[in-house]
Each structure stands twice: as C-alpha cells, then as structure tokens.
Amino acid sequence: MFRVLNYLTIYLSFLHIVHATSRTSPPTGAKIVRAGTANSGEFSTLSAAVNSLPNDSSSQSIFIYPGTYTEQVSITRVGPLTVWSRLFLLCPL
C-alpha cells in the first residue's frame, strides 16, 4: 500500500495549509475519492475532488480510499483543506 502513496504527489501553491491524517471512514461532508468508483457523489480521481471544492475561505475535507491514483494535483483554493485517508497520506511541500 505504501507504493500507492508514492504515486500520489500533491503540489501546494503559496501558503495554503493542507492537513493530512488517517481515519477509517469519511467525516460528514467530506468529498470522497475511490479508485474506479461509479457511486453517486464520489470521485475517481483526487483532481476531480479538488476541482469540485469551492474557492472560498471555508474549511473543506477530502477522504481518499485505498487505490492507485497516478496524478499530480495542484491545490490553489484559499481556504484550509484536510486530506483524510485510511493510510497516512504524505504531502510533499
């Protein structure tokens, strides 16, 4: 599973704060990312989930289920973002 996290690179611009931590289920209101998903309201890529967030100062969260996500993501929103995963998600700055 650690190899999966190596494929996921998150680039943060400016001084945006992203808090990454682990938990077993998504918190209420979180955008859900699940590889290969077709469930209503869920996203199959982290990029799609990030792009669906409002660009305002509200606190938002994304929960990522285990899977293979090979993408580069740029997070440019002005508000804080918490990224949750069932495994600890490394976010290089």
PDB file of N, CA and C in Angstrom:
ATOM      1  N   MET A   1       0.812  -1.205   0.000  1.00  0.00           N
ATOM      2  CA  MET A   1       0.000   0.000   0.000  1.00  0.00           C
ATOM      3  C   MET A   1       0.855   1.269   0.000  1.00  0.00           C
ATOM      4  N   PHE A   2       2.044   1.191   0.631  1.00  0.00           N
ATOM      5  CA  PHE A   2       2.887   2.375   0.660  1.00  0.00           C
ATOM      6  C   PHE A   2       3.277   2.802  -0.747  1.00  0.00           C
ATOM      7  N   ARG A   3       3.435   1.818  -1.650  1.00  0.00           N
ATOM      8  CA  ARG A   3       3.774   2.137  -3.034  1.00  0.00           C
ATOM      9  C   ARG A   3       2.699   3.005  -3.674  1.00  0.00           C
ATOM     10  N   VAL A   4       1.444   2.763  -3.316  1.00  0.00           N
ATOM     11  CA  VAL A   4       0.334   3.570  -3.850  1.00  0.00           C
ATOM     12  C   VAL A   4       0.536   5.031  -3.485  1.00  0.00           C
ATOM     13  N   LEU A   5       0.956   5.279  -2.257  1.00  0.00           N
ATOM     14  CA  LEU A   5       1.144   6.656  -1.819  1.00  0.00           C
ATOM     15  C   LEU A   5       2.310   7.315  -2.540  1.00  0.00           C
ATOM     16  N   ASN A   6       3.282   6.527  -2.962  1.00  0.00           N
ATOM     17  CA  ASN A   6       4.398   7.090  -3.707  1.00  0.00           C
ATOM     18  C   ASN A   6       3.961   7.639  -5.056  1.00  0.00           C
ATOM     19  N   TYR A   7       2.890   7.116  -5.635  1.00  0.00           N
ATOM     20  CA  TYR A   7       2.407   7.581  -6.927  1.00  0.00           C
ATOM     21  C   TYR A   7       1.664   8.912  -6.834  1.00  0.00           C
ATOM     22  N   LEU A   8       1.172   9.203  -5.647  1.00  0.00           N
ATOM     23  CA  LEU A   8       0.341  10.391  -5.467  1.00  0.00           C
ATOM     24  C   LEU A   8       1.207  11.555  -5.004  1.00  0.00           C
ATOM     25  N   THR A   9       1.297  12.575  -5.800  1.00  0.00           N
ATOM     26  CA  THR A   9       2.085  13.757  -5.443  1.00  0.00           C
ATOM     27  C   THR A   9       1.170  14.964  -5.424  1.00  0.00           C
ATOM     28  N   ILE A  10       1.205  15.652  -4.317  1.00  0.00           N
ATOM     29  CA  ILE A  10       0.355  16.834  -4.189  1.00  0.00           C
ATOM     30  C   ILE A  10       1.247  18.059  -4.126  1.00  0.00           C
ATOM     31  N   TYR A  11       1.034  18.967  -5.054  1.00  0.00           N
ATOM     32  CA  TYR A  11       1.786  20.216  -5.058  1.00  0.00           C
ATOM     33  C   TYR A  11       0.900  21.319  -4.499  1.00  0.00           C
ATOM     34  N   LEU A  12       1.423  22.028  -3.535  1.00  0.00           N
ATOM     35  CA  LEU A  12       0.683  23.122  -2.913  1.00  0.00           C
ATOM     36  C   LEU A  12       1.265  24.437  -3.391  1.00  0.00           C
ATOM     37  N   SER A  13       0.397  25.370  -3.692  1.00  0.00           N
ATOM     38  CA  SER A  13       0.901  26.666  -4.122  1.00  0.00           C
ATOM     39  C   SER A  13       0.753  27.681  -3.002  1.00  0.00           C
ATOM     40  N   PHE A  14       1.682  28.577  -2.950  1.00  0.00           N
ATOM     41  CA  PHE A  14       1.733  29.648  -1.968  1.00  0.00           C
ATOM     42  C   PHE A  14       1.747  29.094  -0.553  1.00  0.00           C
ATOM     43  N   LEU A  15       0.941  29.654   0.346  1.00  0.00           N
ATOM     44  CA  LEU A  15       0.977  29.244   1.752  1.00  0.00           C
ATOM     45  C   LEU A  15      -0.282  28.502   2.174  1.00  0.00           C
ATOM     46  N   HIS A  16      -0.868  27.744   1.276  1.00  0.00           N
ATOM     47  CA  HIS A  16      -2.088  27.013   1.602  1.00  0.00           C
ATOM     48  C   HIS A  16      -1.778  25.929   2.610  1.00  0.00           C
ATOM     49  N   ILE A  17      -2.701  25.713   3.520  1.00  0.00           N
ATOM     50  CA  ILE A  17      -2.498  24.720   4.568  1.00  0.00           C
ATOM     51  C   ILE A  17      -3.278  23.461   4.212  1.00  0.00           C
ATOM     52  N   VAL A  18      -2.566  22.339   4.181  1.00  0.00           N
ATOM     53  CA  VAL A  18      -3.208  21.049   3.981  1.00  0.00           C
ATOM     54  C   VAL A  18      -2.802  20.166   5.138  1.00  0.00           C
ATOM     55  N   HIS A  19      -3.770  19.636   5.814  1.00  0.00           N
ATOM     56  CA  HIS A  19      -3.530  18.739   6.935  1.00  0.00           C
ATOM     57  C   HIS A  19      -3.869  17.332   6.475  1.00  0.00           C
ATOM     58  N   ALA A  20      -2.913  16.413   6.595  1.00  0.00           N
ATOM     59  CA  ALA A  20      -3.129  15.039   6.164  1.00  0.00           C
ATOM     60  C   ALA A  20      -3.084  14.117   7.370  1.00  0.00           C
ATOM     61  N   THR A  21      -4.049  13.246   7.476  1.00  0.00           N
ATOM     62  CA  THR A  21      -4.094  12.328   8.611  1.00  0.00           C
ATOM     63  C   THR A  21      -4.871  11.078   8.223  1.00  0.00           C
ATOM     64  N   SER A  22      -4.937  10.110   9.133  1.00  0.00           N
ATOM     65  CA  SER A  22      -5.612   8.870   8.791  1.00  0.00           C
ATOM     66  C   SER A  22      -6.847   8.654   9.663  1.00  0.00           C
ATOM     67  N   ARG A  23      -7.833   7.973   9.110  1.00  0.00           N
ATOM     68  CA  ARG A  23      -9.044   7.555   9.812  1.00  0.00           C
ATOM     69  C   ARG A  23      -9.665   6.434   9.003  1.00  0.00           C
ATOM     70  N   THR A  24     -10.666   5.722   9.536  1.00  0.00           N
ATOM     71  CA  THR A  24     -11.209   4.556   8.850  1.00  0.00           C
ATOM     72  C   THR A  24     -12.436   4.839   7.998  1.00  0.00           C
ATOM     73  N   SER A  25     -13.108   5.967   8.228  1.00  0.00           N
ATOM     74  CA  SER A  25     -14.290   6.292   7.427  1.00  0.00           C
ATOM     75  C   SER A  25     -14.331   7.800   7.188  1.00  0.00           C
ATOM     76  N   PRO A  26     -15.015   8.215   6.117  1.00  0.00           N
ATOM     77  CA  PRO A  26     -15.049   9.644   5.798  1.00  0.00           C
ATOM     78  C   PRO A  26     -15.835  10.449   6.826  1.00  0.00           C
ATOM     79  N   PRO A  27     -15.371  11.637   7.162  1.00  0.00           N
ATOM     80  CA  PRO A  27     -16.156  12.504   8.034  1.00  0.00           C
ATOM     81  C   PRO A  27     -17.360  13.068   7.279  1.00  0.00           C
ATOM     82  N   THR A  28     -18.342  13.494   7.991  1.00  0.00           N
ATOM     83  CA  THR A  28     -19.536  14.075   7.383  1.00  0.00           C
ATOM     84  C   THR A  28     -19.157  15.274   6.521  1.00  0.00           C
ATOM     85  N   GLY A  29     -19.672  15.298   5.301  1.00  0.00           N
ATOM     86  CA  GLY A  29     -19.445  16.413   4.399  1.00  0.00           C
ATOM     87  C   GLY A  29     -18.179  16.330   3.565  1.00  0.00           C
ATOM     88  N   ALA A  30     -17.369  15.313   3.790  1.00  0.00           N
ATOM     89  CA  ALA A  30     -16.114  15.193   3.033  1.00  0.00           C
ATOM     90  C   ALA A  30     -16.390  14.746   1.600  1.00  0.00           C
ATOM     91  N   LYS A  31     -15.576  15.243   0.671  1.00  0.00           N
ATOM     92  CA  LYS A  31     -15.589  14.727  -0.700  1.00  0.00           C
ATOM     93  C   LYS A  31     -14.907  13.359  -0.636  1.00  0.00           C
ATOM     94  N   ILE A  32     -15.467  12.369  -1.322  1.00  0.00           N
ATOM     95  CA  ILE A  32     -14.938  11.004  -1.263  1.00  0.00           C
ATOM     96  C   ILE A  32     -14.283  10.641  -2.586  1.00  0.00           C
ATOM     97  N   VAL A  33     -13.056  10.112  -2.488  1.00  0.00           N
ATOM     98  CA  VAL A  33     -12.313   9.667  -3.664  1.00  0.00           C
ATOM     99  C   VAL A  33     -12.112   8.161  -3.529  1.00  0.00           C
ATOM    100  N   ARG A  34     -12.557   7.430  -4.547  1.00  0.00           N
ATOM    101  CA  ARG A  34     -12.431   5.977  -4.550  1.00  0.00           C
ATOM    102  C   ARG A  34     -12.054   5.553  -5.958  1.00  0.00           C
ATOM    103  N   ALA A  35     -10.908   4.890  -6.109  1.00  0.00           N
ATOM    104  CA  ALA A  35     -10.417   4.477  -7.429  1.00  0.00           C
ATOM    105  C   ALA A  35     -11.440   3.593  -8.123  1.00  0.00           C
ATOM    106  N   GLY A  36     -11.763   3.926  -9.378  1.00  0.00           N
ATOM    107  CA  GLY A  36     -12.686   3.120 -10.182  1.00  0.00           C
ATOM    108  C   GLY A  36     -14.126   3.208  -9.732  1.00  0.00           C
ATOM    109  N   THR A  37     -14.494   4.241  -8.996  1.00  0.00           N
ATOM    110  CA  THR A  37     -15.845   4.334  -8.443  1.00  0.00           C
ATOM    111  C   THR A  37     -16.883   4.780  -9.479  1.00  0.00           C
ATOM    112  N   ALA A  38     -18.098   4.367  -9.269  1.00  0.00           N
ATOM    113  CA  ALA A  38     -19.218   4.841 -10.074  1.00  0.00           C
ATOM    114  C   ALA A  38     -20.341   5.282  -9.143  1.00  0.00           C
ATOM    115  N   ASN A  39     -20.050   5.332  -7.823  1.00  0.00           N
ATOM    116  CA  ASN A  39     -21.066   5.714  -6.850  1.00  0.00           C
ATOM    117  C   ASN A  39     -21.394   7.196  -6.969  1.00  0.00           C
ATOM    118  N   SER A  40     -22.646   7.515  -6.837  1.00  0.00           N
ATOM    119  CA  SER A  40     -23.092   8.898  -6.922  1.00  0.00           C
ATOM    120  C   SER A  40     -22.436   9.733  -5.829  1.00  0.00           C
ATOM    121  N   GLY A  41     -21.931  10.899  -6.201  1.00  0.00           N
ATOM    122  CA  GLY A  41     -21.336  11.801  -5.232  1.00  0.00           C
ATOM    123  C   GLY A  41     -19.893  11.509  -4.886  1.00  0.00           C
ATOM    124  N   GLU A  42     -19.311  10.488  -5.484  1.00  0.00           N
ATOM    125  CA  GLU A  42     -17.912  10.162  -5.243  1.00  0.00           C
ATOM    126  C   GLU A  42     -17.086  10.486  -6.483  1.00  0.00           C
ATOM    127  N   PHE A  43     -15.796  10.595  -6.299  1.00  0.00           N
ATOM    128  CA  PHE A  43     -14.880  10.930  -7.388  1.00  0.00           C
ATOM    129  C   PHE A  43     -13.877   9.808  -7.570  1.00  0.00           C
ATOM    130  N   SER A  44     -13.466   9.564  -8.808  1.00  0.00           N
ATOM    131  CA  SER A  44     -12.491   8.507  -9.075  1.00  0.00           C
ATOM    132  C   SER A  44     -11.061   9.039  -9.091  1.00  0.00           C
ATOM    133  N   THR A  45     -10.904  10.371  -9.053  1.00  0.00           N
ATOM    134  CA  THR A  45      -9.571  10.966  -9.002  1.00  0.00           C
ATOM    135  C   THR A  45      -9.542  12.067  -7.943  1.00  0.00           C
ATOM    136  N   LEU A  46      -8.368  12.264  -7.369  1.00  0.00           N
ATOM    137  CA  LEU A  46      -8.203  13.345  -6.408  1.00  0.00           C
ATOM    138  C   LEU A  46      -8.369  14.695  -7.097  1.00  0.00           C
ATOM    139  N   SER A  47      -7.896  14.803  -8.332  1.00  0.00           N
ATOM    140  CA  SER A  47      -8.031  16.057  -9.091  1.00  0.00           C
ATOM    141  C   SER A  47      -9.489  16.477  -9.211  1.00  0.00           C
ATOM    142  N   ALA A  48     -10.365  15.538  -9.518  1.00  0.00           N
ATOM    143  CA  ALA A  48     -11.789  15.854  -9.663  1.00  0.00           C
ATOM    144  C   ALA A  48     -12.384  16.322  -8.338  1.00  0.00           C
ATOM    145  N   ALA A  49     -11.992  15.687  -7.246  1.00  0.00           N
ATOM    146  CA  ALA A  49     -12.493  16.095  -5.931  1.00  0.00           C
ATOM    147  C   ALA A  49     -12.007  17.500  -5.581  1.00  0.00           C
ATOM    148  N   VAL A  50     -10.725  17.772  -5.809  1.00  0.00           N
ATOM    149  CA  VAL A  50     -10.175  19.104  -5.525  1.00  0.00           C
ATOM    150  C   VAL A  50     -10.855  20.161  -6.387  1.00  0.00           C
ATOM    151  N   ASN A  51     -11.074  19.854  -7.669  1.00  0.00           N
ATOM    152  CA  ASN A  51     -11.721  20.815  -8.568  1.00  0.00           C
ATOM    153  C   ASN A  51     -13.170  21.091  -8.197  1.00  0.00           C
ATOM    154  N   SER A  52     -13.798  20.188  -7.448  1.00  0.00           N
ATOM    155  CA  SER A  52     -15.194  20.393  -7.055  1.00  0.00           C
ATOM    156  C   SER A  52     -15.332  21.278  -5.816  1.00  0.00           C
ATOM    157  N   LEU A  53     -14.216  21.564  -5.152  1.00  0.00           N
ATOM    158  CA  LEU A  53     -14.260  22.379  -3.935  1.00  0.00           C
ATOM    159  C   LEU A  53     -14.504  23.844  -4.269  1.00  0.00           C
ATOM    160  N   PRO A  54     -15.250  24.551  -3.421  1.00  0.00           N
ATOM    161  CA  PRO A  54     -15.439  25.984  -3.654  1.00  0.00           C
ATOM    162  C   PRO A  54     -14.131  26.718  -3.387  1.00  0.00           C
ATOM    163  N   ASN A  55     -13.864  27.761  -4.144  1.00  0.00           N
ATOM    164  CA  ASN A  55     -12.657  28.558  -3.939  1.00  0.00           C
ATOM    165  C   ASN A  55     -12.987  29.710  -2.993  1.00  0.00           C
ATOM    166  N   ASP A  56     -13.188  29.354  -1.731  1.00  0.00           N
ATOM    167  CA  ASP A  56     -13.508  30.348  -0.714  1.00  0.00           C
ATOM    168  C   ASP A  56     -12.713  30.019   0.549  1.00  0.00           C
ATOM    169  N   SER A  57     -13.005  30.690   1.634  1.00  0.00           N
ATOM    170  CA  SER A  57     -12.232  30.502   2.857  1.00  0.00           C
ATOM    171  C   SER A  57     -12.803  29.413   3.777  1.00  0.00           C
ATOM    172  N   SER A  58     -13.819  28.681   3.317  1.00  0.00           N
ATOM    173  CA  SER A  58     -14.414  27.639   4.159  1.00  0.00           C
ATOM    174  C   SER A  58     -13.472  26.444   4.313  1.00  0.00           C
ATOM    175  N   SER A  59     -13.579  25.760   5.448  1.00  0.00           N
ATOM    176  CA  SER A  59     -12.807  24.540   5.680  1.00  0.00           C
ATOM    177  C   SER A  59     -13.451  23.406   4.892  1.00  0.00           C
ATOM    178  N   GLN A  60     -12.644  22.634   4.184  1.00  0.00           N
ATOM    179  CA  GLN A  60     -13.133  21.516   3.387  1.00  0.00           C
ATOM    180  C   GLN A  60     -12.306  20.278   3.712  1.00  0.00           C
ATOM    181  N   SER A  61     -12.854  19.100   3.393  1.00  0.00           N
ATOM    182  CA  SER A  61     -12.099  17.873   3.606  1.00  0.00           C
ATOM    183  C   SER A  61     -12.345  16.894   2.469  1.00  0.00           C
ATOM    184  N   ILE A  62     -11.338  16.068   2.232  1.00  0.00           N
ATOM    185  CA  ILE A  62     -11.389  15.016   1.218  1.00  0.00           C
ATOM    186  C   ILE A  62     -10.946  13.723   1.882  1.00  0.00           C
ATOM    187  N   PHE A  63     -11.693  12.657   1.667  1.00  0.00           N
ATOM    188  CA  PHE A  63     -11.344  11.339   2.184  1.00  0.00           C
ATOM    189  C   PHE A  63     -10.965  10.448   1.005  1.00  0.00           C
ATOM    190  N   ILE A  64      -9.777   9.842   1.057  1.00  0.00           N
ATOM    191  CA  ILE A  64      -9.284   9.014  -0.038  1.00  0.00           C
ATOM    192  C   ILE A  64      -9.259   7.555   0.391  1.00  0.00           C
ATOM    193  N   TYR A  65     -10.021   6.714  -0.323  1.00  0.00           N
ATOM    194  CA  TYR A  65      -9.973   5.272  -0.076  1.00  0.00           C
ATOM    195  C   TYR A  65      -8.715   4.696  -0.726  1.00  0.00           C
ATOM    196  N   PRO A  66      -8.212   3.567  -0.207  1.00  0.00           N
ATOM    197  CA  PRO A  66      -7.037   2.942  -0.814  1.00  0.00           C
ATOM    198  C   PRO A  66      -7.273   2.636  -2.292  1.00  0.00           C
ATOM    199  N   GLY A  67      -6.253   2.785  -3.089  1.00  0.00           N
ATOM    200  CA  GLY A  67      -6.330   2.529  -4.520  1.00  0.00           C
ATOM    201  C   GLY A  67      -5.098   3.105  -5.184  1.00  0.00           C
ATOM    202  N   THR A  68      -5.031   2.971  -6.483  1.00  0.00           N
ATOM    203  CA  THR A  68      -3.920   3.530  -7.238  1.00  0.00           C
ATOM    204  C   THR A  68      -4.371   4.833  -7.882  1.00  0.00           C
ATOM    205  N   TYR A  69      -3.707   5.914  -7.520  1.00  0.00           N
ATOM    206  CA  TYR A  69      -4.014   7.238  -8.040  1.00  0.00           C
ATOM    207  C   TYR A  69      -2.722   7.800  -8.618  1.00  0.00           C
ATOM    208  N   THR A  70      -2.605   7.822  -9.908  1.00  0.00           N
ATOM    209  CA  THR A  70      -1.395   8.313 -10.559  1.00  0.00           C
ATOM    210  C   THR A  70      -1.718   9.659 -11.189  1.00  0.00           C
ATOM    211  N   GLU A  71      -1.430  10.715 -10.447  1.00  0.00           N
ATOM    212  CA  GLU A  71      -1.766  12.050 -10.926  1.00  0.00           C
ATOM    213  C   GLU A  71      -0.970  13.087 -10.147  1.00  0.00           C
ATOM    214  N   GLN A  72      -0.856  14.249 -10.703  1.00  0.00           N
ATOM    215  CA  GLN A  72      -0.305  15.396  -9.997  1.00  0.00           C
ATOM    216  C   GLN A  72      -1.457  16.359  -9.770  1.00  0.00           C
ATOM    217  N   VAL A  73      -1.557  16.858  -8.551  1.00  0.00           N
ATOM    218  CA  VAL A  73      -2.683  17.697  -8.172  1.00  0.00           C
ATOM    219  C   VAL A  73      -2.167  19.039  -7.677  1.00  0.00           C
ATOM    220  N   SER A  74      -2.741  20.097  -8.202  1.00  0.00           N
ATOM    221  CA  SER A  74      -2.417  21.442  -7.743  1.00  0.00           C
ATOM    222  C   SER A  74      -3.599  21.966  -6.933  1.00  0.00           C
ATOM    223  N   ILE A  75      -3.327  22.342  -5.692  1.00  0.00           N
ATOM    224  CA  ILE A  75      -4.381  22.855  -4.819  1.00  0.00           C
ATOM    225  C   ILE A  75      -4.168  24.351  -4.676  1.00  0.00           C
ATOM    226  N   THR A  76      -5.103  25.128  -5.232  1.00  0.00           N
ATOM    227  CA  THR A  76      -4.955  26.584  -5.225  1.00  0.00           C
ATOM    228  C   THR A  76      -6.066  27.300  -4.473  1.00  0.00           C
ATOM    229  N   ARG A  77      -6.931  26.558  -3.807  1.00  0.00           N
ATOM    230  CA  ARG A  77      -8.030  27.207  -3.084  1.00  0.00           C
ATOM    231  C   ARG A  77      -7.493  28.006  -1.914  1.00  0.00           C
ATOM    232  N   VAL A  78      -8.249  29.028  -1.482  1.00  0.00           N
ATOM    233  CA  VAL A  78      -7.773  29.919  -0.431  1.00  0.00           C
ATOM    234  C   VAL A  78      -8.040  29.385   0.976  1.00  0.00           C
ATOM    235  N   GLY A  79      -9.028  28.517   1.141  1.00  0.00           N
ATOM    236  CA  GLY A  79      -9.382  28.005   2.463  1.00  0.00           C
ATOM    237  C   GLY A  79      -8.607  26.762   2.845  1.00  0.00           C
ATOM    238  N   PRO A  80      -8.661  26.392   4.129  1.00  0.00           N
ATOM    239  CA  PRO A  80      -7.959  25.203   4.601  1.00  0.00           C
ATOM    240  C   PRO A  80      -8.582  23.912   4.055  1.00  0.00           C
ATOM    241  N   LEU A  81      -7.722  22.912   3.869  1.00  0.00           N
ATOM    242  CA  LEU A  81      -8.157  21.619   3.346  1.00  0.00           C
ATOM    243  C   LEU A  81      -7.537  20.513   4.181  1.00  0.00           C
ATOM    244  N   THR A  82      -8.369  19.580   4.652  1.00  0.00           N
ATOM    245  CA  THR A  82      -7.887  18.397   5.357  1.00  0.00           C
ATOM    246  C   THR A  82      -8.047  17.214   4.426  1.00  0.00           C
ATOM    247  N   VAL A  83      -6.968  16.464   4.235  1.00  0.00           N
ATOM    248  CA  VAL A  83      -6.999  15.274   3.392  1.00  0.00           C
ATOM    249  C   VAL A  83      -6.904  14.066   4.314  1.00  0.00           C
ATOM    250  N   TRP A  84      -7.954  13.245   4.290  1.00  0.00           N
ATOM    251  CA  TRP A  84      -8.025  12.060   5.138  1.00  0.00           C
ATOM    252  C   TRP A  84      -7.782  10.823   4.285  1.00  0.00           C
ATOM    253  N   SER A  85      -7.237   9.786   4.922  1.00  0.00           N
ATOM    254  CA  SER A  85      -7.045   8.514   4.253  1.00  0.00           C
ATOM    255  C   SER A  85      -7.045   7.408   5.291  1.00  0.00           C
ATOM    256  N   ARG A  86      -7.323   6.177   4.838  1.00  0.00           N
ATOM    257  CA  ARG A  86      -7.222   5.037   5.744  1.00  0.00           C
ATOM    258  C   ARG A  86      -5.761   4.744   6.059  1.00  0.00           C
ATOM    259  N   LEU A  87      -4.875   5.257   5.250  1.00  0.00           N
ATOM    260  CA  LEU A  87      -3.440   5.207   5.494  1.00  0.00           C
ATOM    261  C   LEU A  87      -2.951   6.632   5.598  1.00  0.00           C
ATOM    262  N   PHE A  88      -1.859   6.866   6.273  1.00  0.00           N
ATOM    263  CA  PHE A  88      -1.334   8.227   6.361  1.00  0.00           C
ATOM    264  C   PHE A  88      -0.889   8.680   4.986  1.00  0.00           C
ATOM    265  N   LEU A  89      -1.319   9.831   4.565  1.00  0.00           N
ATOM    266  CA  LEU A  89      -1.026  10.379   3.237  1.00  0.00           C
ATOM    267  C   LEU A  89       0.116  11.370   3.340  1.00  0.00           C
ATOM    268  N   LEU A  90       1.183  11.119   2.602  1.00  0.00           N
ATOM    269  CA  LEU A  90       2.326  12.025   2.611  1.00  0.00           C
ATOM    270  C   LEU A  90       2.094  13.159   1.631  1.00  0.00           C
ATOM    271  N   CYS A  91       2.301  14.372   2.079  1.00  0.00           N
ATOM    272  CA  CYS A  91       2.104  15.548   1.236  1.00  0.00           C
ATOM    273  C   CYS A  91       3.408  16.316   1.156  1.00  0.00           C
ATOM    274  N   PRO A  92       4.196  16.116   0.115  1.00  0.00           N
ATOM    275  CA  PRO A  92       5.443  16.879  -0.004  1.00  0.00           C
ATOM    276  C   PRO A  92       5.155  18.346  -0.264  1.00  0.00           C
ATOM    277  N   LEU A  93       5.919  19.207   0.337  1.00  0.00           N
ATOM    278  CA  LEU A  93       5.732  20.651   0.144  1.00  0.00           C
ATOM    279  C   LEU A  93       6.769  21.190  -0.804  1.00  0.00           C
TER     280      LEU A  93
END
